[in-house]
C-alpha atoms as a PDB file:
ATOM      1  CA  UNK A   1      17.803  59.446  95.638  1.00  0.00           C
ATOM      2  CA  UNK A   2      19.768  62.687  95.252  1.00  0.00           C
ATOM      3  CA  UNK A   3      20.025  61.926  91.528  1.00  0.00           C
ATOM      4  CA  UNK A   4      16.252  62.195  91.207  1.00  0.00           C
ATOM      5  CA  UNK A   5      13.841  60.239  89.045  1.00  0.00           C
ATOM      6  CA  UNK A   6      12.592  60.533  85.497  1.00  0.00           C
ATOM      7  CA  UNK A   7      12.085  63.970  83.977  1.00  0.00           C
ATOM      8  CA  UNK A   8       8.786  64.629  82.224  1.00  0.00           C
ATOM      9  CA  UNK A   9       9.958  63.911  78.687  1.00  0.00           C
ATOM     10  CA  UNK A  10       8.277  62.009  75.856  1.00  0.00           C
ATOM     11  CA  UNK A  11      11.546  61.415  73.970  1.00  0.00           C
ATOM     12  CA  UNK A  12      15.101  60.599  75.150  1.00  0.00           C
ATOM     13  CA  UNK A  13      13.969  60.319  78.770  1.00  0.00           C
ATOM     14  CA  UNK A  14      16.076  57.159  79.114  1.00  0.00           C
ATOM     15  CA  UNK A  15      19.152  58.838  77.601  1.00  0.00           C
ATOM     16  CA  UNK A  16      18.772  61.808  79.936  1.00  0.00           C
ATOM     17  CA  UNK A  17      18.325  59.570  82.980  1.00  0.00           C
ATOM     18  CA  UNK A  18      21.260  57.258  82.307  1.00  0.00           C
ATOM     19  CA  UNK A  19      23.645  60.143  81.643  1.00  0.00           C
ATOM     20  CA  UNK A  20      22.556  61.668  84.951  1.00  0.00           C
ATOM     21  CA  UNK A  21      22.819  58.368  86.821  1.00  0.00           C
ATOM     22  CA  UNK A  22      26.076  57.156  85.229  1.00  0.00           C
ATOM     23  CA  UNK A  23      27.371  53.858  83.833  1.00  0.00           C
ATOM     24  CA  UNK A  24      29.226  51.331  85.994  1.00  0.00           C
ATOM     25  CA  UNK A  25      30.045  48.733  83.323  1.00  0.00           C
ATOM     26  CA  UNK A  26      29.487  48.441  79.579  1.00  0.00           C
ATOM     27  CA  UNK A  27      29.243  44.977  78.019  1.00  0.00           C
ATOM     28  CA  UNK A  28      27.986  45.603  74.451  1.00  0.00           C
ATOM     29  CA  UNK A  29      26.046  42.484  73.495  1.00  0.00           C
ATOM     30  CA  UNK A  30      22.768  41.626  71.818  1.00  0.00           C
ATOM     31  CA  UNK A  31      20.395  40.452  74.531  1.00  0.00           C
ATOM     32  CA  UNK A  32      17.178  40.242  72.537  1.00  0.00           C
ATOM     33  CA  UNK A  33      15.362  41.400  69.446  1.00  0.00           C
ATOM     34  CA  UNK A  34      12.851  44.172  68.898  1.00  0.00           C
ATOM     35  CA  UNK A  35      10.021  43.409  66.516  1.00  0.00           C
ATOM     36  CA  UNK A  36       8.661  46.222  64.396  1.00  0.00           C
ATOM     37  CA  UNK A  37       5.079  46.437  63.256  1.00  0.00           C
ATOM     38  CA  UNK A  38       5.227  47.870  59.732  1.00  0.00           C
ATOM     39  CA  UNK A  39       3.251  50.946  58.687  1.00  0.00           C
ATOM     40  CA  UNK A  40       1.889  51.684  62.155  1.00  0.00           C
ATOM     41  CA  UNK A  41       2.918  54.941  63.834  1.00  0.00           C
ATOM     42  CA  UNK A  42       3.681  54.083  67.468  1.00  0.00           C
ATOM     43  CA  UNK A  43       2.621  57.562  68.582  1.00  0.00           C
ATOM     44  CA  UNK A  44      -0.983  56.989  67.473  1.00  0.00           C
ATOM     45  CA  UNK A  45      -1.586  54.676  70.424  1.00  0.00           C
ATOM     46  CA  UNK A  46      -1.121  57.616  72.825  1.00  0.00           C
ATOM     47  CA  UNK A  47      -3.597  59.924  71.098  1.00  0.00           C
ATOM     48  CA  UNK A  48      -7.298  59.852  70.389  1.00  0.00           C
ATOM     49  CA  UNK A  49      -7.566  62.212  67.437  1.00  0.00           C
ATOM     50  CA  UNK A  50      -5.568  64.115  64.834  1.00  0.00           C
ATOM     51  CA  UNK A  51      -5.262  67.277  66.944  1.00  0.00           C
ATOM     52  CA  UNK A  52      -3.865  65.505  70.008  1.00  0.00           C
ATOM     53  CA  UNK A  53      -1.555  63.523  67.730  1.00  0.00           C
ATOM     54  CA  UNK A  54      -0.131  66.715  66.223  1.00  0.00           C
ATOM     55  CA  UNK A  55       0.303  68.228  69.688  1.00  0.00           C
ATOM     56  CA  UNK A  56       2.143  65.119  70.840  1.00  0.00           C
ATOM     57  CA  UNK A  57       4.456  65.169  67.816  1.00  0.00           C
ATOM     58  CA  UNK A  58       5.221  68.831  68.507  1.00  0.00           C
ATOM     59  CA  UNK A  59       6.067  68.049  72.114  1.00  0.00           C
ATOM     60  CA  UNK A  60       8.198  65.085  71.013  1.00  0.00           C
ATOM     61  CA  UNK A  61      10.422  67.408  68.988  1.00  0.00           C
ATOM     62  CA  UNK A  62      10.799  69.812  71.901  1.00  0.00           C
ATOM     63  CA  UNK A  63      11.551  66.959  74.301  1.00  0.00           C
ATOM     64  CA  UNK A  64      14.032  65.449  71.864  1.00  0.00           C
ATOM     65  CA  UNK A  65      16.073  68.666  72.003  1.00  0.00           C
ATOM     66  CA  UNK A  66      15.820  68.721  75.805  1.00  0.00           C
ATOM     67  CA  UNK A  67      16.523  65.040  76.521  1.00  0.00           C
ATOM     68  CA  UNK A  68      19.294  64.759  73.961  1.00  0.00           C
ATOM     69  CA  UNK A  69      20.948  67.894  75.332  1.00  0.00           C
ATOM     70  CA  UNK A  70      21.047  69.110  71.750  1.00  0.00           C
ATOM     71  CA  UNK A  71      23.102  72.150  70.852  1.00  0.00           C
ATOM     72  CA  UNK A  72      21.747  74.685  68.385  1.00  0.00           C
ATOM     73  CA  UNK A  73      24.690  73.974  66.066  1.00  0.00           C
ATOM     74  CA  UNK A  74      23.670  70.303  65.929  1.00  0.00           C
ATOM     75  CA  UNK A  75      20.414  71.132  64.148  1.00  0.00           C
ATOM     76  CA  UNK A  76      22.331  72.171  61.033  1.00  0.00           C
ATOM     77  CA  UNK A  77      23.555  68.550  60.689  1.00  0.00           C
ATOM     78  CA  UNK A  78      20.177  66.794  60.832  1.00  0.00           C
ATOM     79  CA  UNK A  79      18.194  65.802  57.733  1.00  0.00           C
ATOM     80  CA  UNK A  80      16.275  68.595  56.038  1.00  0.00           C
ATOM     81  CA  UNK A  81      12.800  67.380  57.015  1.00  0.00           C
ATOM     82  CA  UNK A  82      13.767  67.747  60.702  1.00  0.00           C
ATOM     83  CA  UNK A  83      15.932  70.834  60.451  1.00  0.00           C
ATOM     84  CA  UNK A  84      13.210  73.346  59.621  1.00  0.00           C
ATOM     85  CA  UNK A  85      10.910  72.153  62.391  1.00  0.00           C
ATOM     86  CA  UNK A  86      13.615  72.009  65.079  1.00  0.00           C
ATOM     87  CA  UNK A  87      15.055  75.497  64.593  1.00  0.00           C
ATOM     88  CA  UNK A  88      11.893  77.392  65.644  1.00  0.00           C
ATOM     89  CA  UNK A  89      11.314  74.989  68.554  1.00  0.00           C
ATOM     90  CA  UNK A  90      14.799  75.396  70.027  1.00  0.00           C
ATOM     91  CA  UNK A  91      13.931  78.577  72.021  1.00  0.00           C
ATOM     92  CA  UNK A  92      10.908  76.768  73.506  1.00  0.00           C
ATOM     93  CA  UNK A  93      13.101  73.842  74.536  1.00  0.00           C
ATOM     94  CA  UNK A  94      15.691  76.213  75.992  1.00  0.00           C
ATOM     95  CA  UNK A  95      12.993  77.972  78.011  1.00  0.00           C
ATOM     96  CA  UNK A  96      11.729  74.676  79.401  1.00  0.00           C
ATOM     97  CA  UNK A  97      15.294  73.553  80.119  1.00  0.00           C
ATOM     98  CA  UNK A  98      17.742  71.515  78.042  1.00  0.00           C
ATOM     99  CA  UNK A  99      19.329  68.707  80.047  1.00  0.00           C
ATOM    100  CA  UNK A 100      23.033  68.468  79.213  1.00  0.00           C
ATOM    101  CA  UNK A 101      24.500  66.187  81.868  1.00  0.00           C
ATOM    102  CA  UNK A 102      28.032  66.027  80.456  1.00  0.00           C
ATOM    103  CA  UNK A 103      28.842  69.725  80.609  1.00  0.00           C
ATOM    104  CA  UNK A 104      29.626  70.841  77.079  1.00  0.00           C
ATOM    105  CA  UNK A 105      28.847  67.397  75.604  1.00  0.00           C
ATOM    106  CA  UNK A 106      25.430  66.484  74.291  1.00  0.00           C
ATOM    107  CA  UNK A 107      23.997  63.529  76.205  1.00  0.00           C
ATOM    108  CA  UNK A 108      24.668  60.970  73.468  1.00  0.00           C
ATOM    109  CA  UNK A 109      28.356  61.910  73.260  1.00  0.00           C
ATOM    110  CA  UNK A 110      28.568  61.900  77.051  1.00  0.00           C
ATOM    111  CA  UNK A 111      27.002  58.437  77.228  1.00  0.00           C
ATOM    112  CA  UNK A 112      29.495  57.078  74.722  1.00  0.00           C
ATOM    113  CA  UNK A 113      32.419  58.551  76.672  1.00  0.00           C
ATOM    114  CA  UNK A 114      31.122  56.763  79.793  1.00  0.00           C
ATOM    115  CA  UNK A 115      30.641  53.536  77.843  1.00  0.00           C
ATOM    116  CA  UNK A 116      34.228  53.620  76.577  1.00  0.00           C
ATOM    117  CA  UNK A 117      35.576  54.320  80.049  1.00  0.00           C
ATOM    118  CA  UNK A 118      33.649  51.387  81.570  1.00  0.00           C
ATOM    119  CA  UNK A 119      33.985  48.958  78.642  1.00  0.00           C
ATOM    120  CA  UNK A 120      34.446  45.274  79.490  1.00  0.00           C
ATOM    121  CA  UNK A 121      34.669  42.152  77.340  1.00  0.00           C
ATOM    122  CA  UNK A 122      31.241  40.421  77.196  1.00  0.00           C
ATOM    123  CA  UNK A 123      32.986  37.167  76.280  1.00  0.00           C
ATOM    124  CA  UNK A 124      34.222  37.047  79.874  1.00  0.00           C
ATOM    125  CA  UNK A 125      30.550  36.864  80.928  1.00  0.00           C
ATOM    126  CA  UNK A 126      29.919  33.883  78.662  1.00  0.00           C
ATOM    127  CA  UNK A 127      28.462  35.823  75.729  1.00  0.00           C
ATOM    128  CA  UNK A 128      29.256  34.152  72.368  1.00  0.00           C
ATOM    129  CA  UNK A 129      31.345  36.211  69.952  1.00  0.00           C
ATOM    130  CA  UNK A 130      28.518  36.233  67.411  1.00  0.00           C
ATOM    131  CA  UNK A 131      26.388  38.248  69.878  1.00  0.00           C
ATOM    132  CA  UNK A 132      29.034  40.854  70.754  1.00  0.00           C
ATOM    133  CA  UNK A 133      28.460  44.099  68.885  1.00  0.00           C
ATOM    134  CA  UNK A 134      29.386  47.660  69.833  1.00  0.00           C
ATOM    135  CA  UNK A 135      27.889  50.436  67.647  1.00  0.00           C
ATOM    136  CA  UNK A 136      29.676  53.773  67.994  1.00  0.00           C
ATOM    137  CA  UNK A 137      28.292  57.089  66.717  1.00  0.00           C
ATOM    138  CA  UNK A 138      30.289  60.041  68.016  1.00  0.00           C
ATOM    139  CA  UNK A 139      32.373  62.169  65.699  1.00  0.00           C
ATOM    140  CA  UNK A 140      35.813  63.459  66.577  1.00  0.00           C
ATOM    141  CA  UNK A 141      36.741  60.628  68.953  1.00  0.00           C
ATOM    142  CA  UNK A 142      38.413  57.463  67.698  1.00  0.00           C
ATOM    143  CA  UNK A 143      37.906  54.638  70.204  1.00  0.00           C
ATOM    144  CA  UNK A 144      40.002  52.030  68.342  1.00  0.00           C
ATOM    145  CA  UNK A 145      42.800  51.794  70.896  1.00  0.00           C
ATOM    146  CA  UNK A 146      40.424  51.593  73.847  1.00  0.00           C
ATOM    147  CA  UNK A 147      38.238  48.876  72.300  1.00  0.00           C
ATOM    148  CA  UNK A 148      41.218  46.786  71.219  1.00  0.00           C
ATOM    149  CA  UNK A 149      42.962  47.142  74.584  1.00  0.00           C
ATOM    150  CA  UNK A 150      39.900  45.624  76.278  1.00  0.00           C
ATOM    151  CA  UNK A 151      38.737  43.136  73.631  1.00  0.00           C
ATOM    152  CA  UNK A 152      41.983  42.152  71.974  1.00  0.00           C
ATOM    153  CA  UNK A 153      41.498  41.178  68.339  1.00  0.00           C
ATOM    154  CA  UNK A 154      38.339  42.677  66.872  1.00  0.00           C
ATOM    155  CA  UNK A 155      36.952  44.111  63.651  1.00  0.00           C
ATOM    156  CA  UNK A 156      35.903  47.666  62.936  1.00  0.00           C
ATOM    157  CA  UNK A 157      33.139  47.961  60.344  1.00  0.00           C
ATOM    158  CA  UNK A 158      32.049  51.271  58.822  1.00  0.00           C
ATOM    159  CA  UNK A 159      28.281  51.616  58.400  1.00  0.00           C
ATOM    160  CA  UNK A 160      25.930  54.196  57.065  1.00  0.00           C
ATOM    161  CA  UNK A 161      24.460  56.327  59.784  1.00  0.00           C
ATOM    162  CA  UNK A 162      22.072  54.494  62.080  1.00  0.00           C
ATOM    163  CA  UNK A 163      20.383  57.498  63.646  1.00  0.00           C
ATOM    164  CA  UNK A 164      18.861  60.514  61.941  1.00  0.00           C
ATOM    165  CA  UNK A 165      20.672  63.098  64.076  1.00  0.00           C
ATOM    166  CA  UNK A 166      24.171  62.502  62.685  1.00  0.00           C
ATOM    167  CA  UNK A 167      25.216  62.522  59.068  1.00  0.00           C
ATOM    168  CA  UNK A 168      28.774  61.183  59.224  1.00  0.00           C
ATOM    169  CA  UNK A 169      29.568  57.465  58.977  1.00  0.00           C
ATOM    170  CA  UNK A 170      29.516  55.521  62.230  1.00  0.00           C
ATOM    171  CA  UNK A 171      31.265  52.278  63.046  1.00  0.00           C
ATOM    172  CA  UNK A 172      30.519  48.934  64.638  1.00  0.00           C
ATOM    173  CA  UNK A 173      33.073  46.886  66.520  1.00  0.00           C
ATOM    174  CA  UNK A 174      32.629  43.113  66.547  1.00  0.00           C
ATOM    175  CA  UNK A 175      34.787  40.268  67.852  1.00  0.00           C
ATOM    176  CA  UNK A 176      33.616  37.989  65.059  1.00  0.00           C
ATOM    177  CA  UNK A 177      32.213  38.899  61.651  1.00  0.00           C
ATOM    178  CA  UNK A 178      29.295  36.517  62.234  1.00  0.00           C
ATOM    179  CA  UNK A 179      27.857  39.171  64.568  1.00  0.00           C
ATOM    180  CA  UNK A 180      27.001  41.230  61.484  1.00  0.00           C
ATOM    181  CA  UNK A 181      24.366  38.608  60.598  1.00  0.00           C
ATOM    182  CA  UNK A 182      22.393  39.823  63.614  1.00  0.00           C
ATOM    183  CA  UNK A 183      22.236  43.454  62.470  1.00  0.00           C
ATOM    184  CA  UNK A 184      18.839  43.194  60.716  1.00  0.00           C
ATOM    185  CA  UNK A 185      17.320  41.726  63.890  1.00  0.00           C
ATOM    186  CA  UNK A 186      17.969  44.833  65.982  1.00  0.00           C
ATOM    187  CA  UNK A 187      15.466  47.602  65.419  1.00  0.00           C
ATOM    188  CA  UNK A 188      17.750  50.620  65.659  1.00  0.00           C
ATOM    189  CA  UNK A 189      20.139  49.059  63.159  1.00  0.00           C
ATOM    190  CA  UNK A 190      17.486  48.226  60.593  1.00  0.00           C
ATOM    191  CA  UNK A 191      18.189  50.059  57.389  1.00  0.00           C
ATOM    192  CA  UNK A 192      21.849  50.625  58.188  1.00  0.00           C
ATOM    193  CA  UNK A 193      24.209  49.395  55.572  1.00  0.00           C
ATOM    194  CA  UNK A 194      27.681  48.090  56.311  1.00  0.00           C
ATOM    195  CA  UNK A 195      29.788  49.014  53.364  1.00  0.00           C
ATOM    196  CA  UNK A 196      33.463  48.806  54.257  1.00  0.00           C
ATOM    197  CA  UNK A 197      35.761  46.823  56.500  1.00  0.00           C
ATOM    198  CA  UNK A 198      38.423  49.023  58.058  1.00  0.00           C
END
């Protein structure tokens, strides 16, 4: 247990933990669906009144910086409504401790580097091609050769950004274009728009 357990974070605690623990194999496949309840703020269930809700939302922003291992320069790339609230909270997060488990890499970029290194073909595990889908977010690294060397023939689809914290286009790799039909069923891909086949 030298790695330790969960840090006391409201946001990105899973990202922080997995980048500290490491990844042994990555088989990108859809294993289930998340169902969203419209117009209900999930954070309200943890709070009893408006004041405690606002305190929780404040802590969430601080913990997001800490768990994501966010760099100060990253804040300039986030949407405007987040940018002005994150800048003043960055010193607080830094004082509490920002967890950056990949050295100079933010935790999301570090996770993706581990995923690429440990990538396997889910089809070899019996997963149908229509359920194999690998979303990729990092900028500056092109994983085409690595994905194709492991998967063989596949498609690279450009999509509008799936997460708020990055503004550049991201891509999805699929072994069969029918996998794109499953995009609306996955919560973190809802609202993304595939607009170009590369």
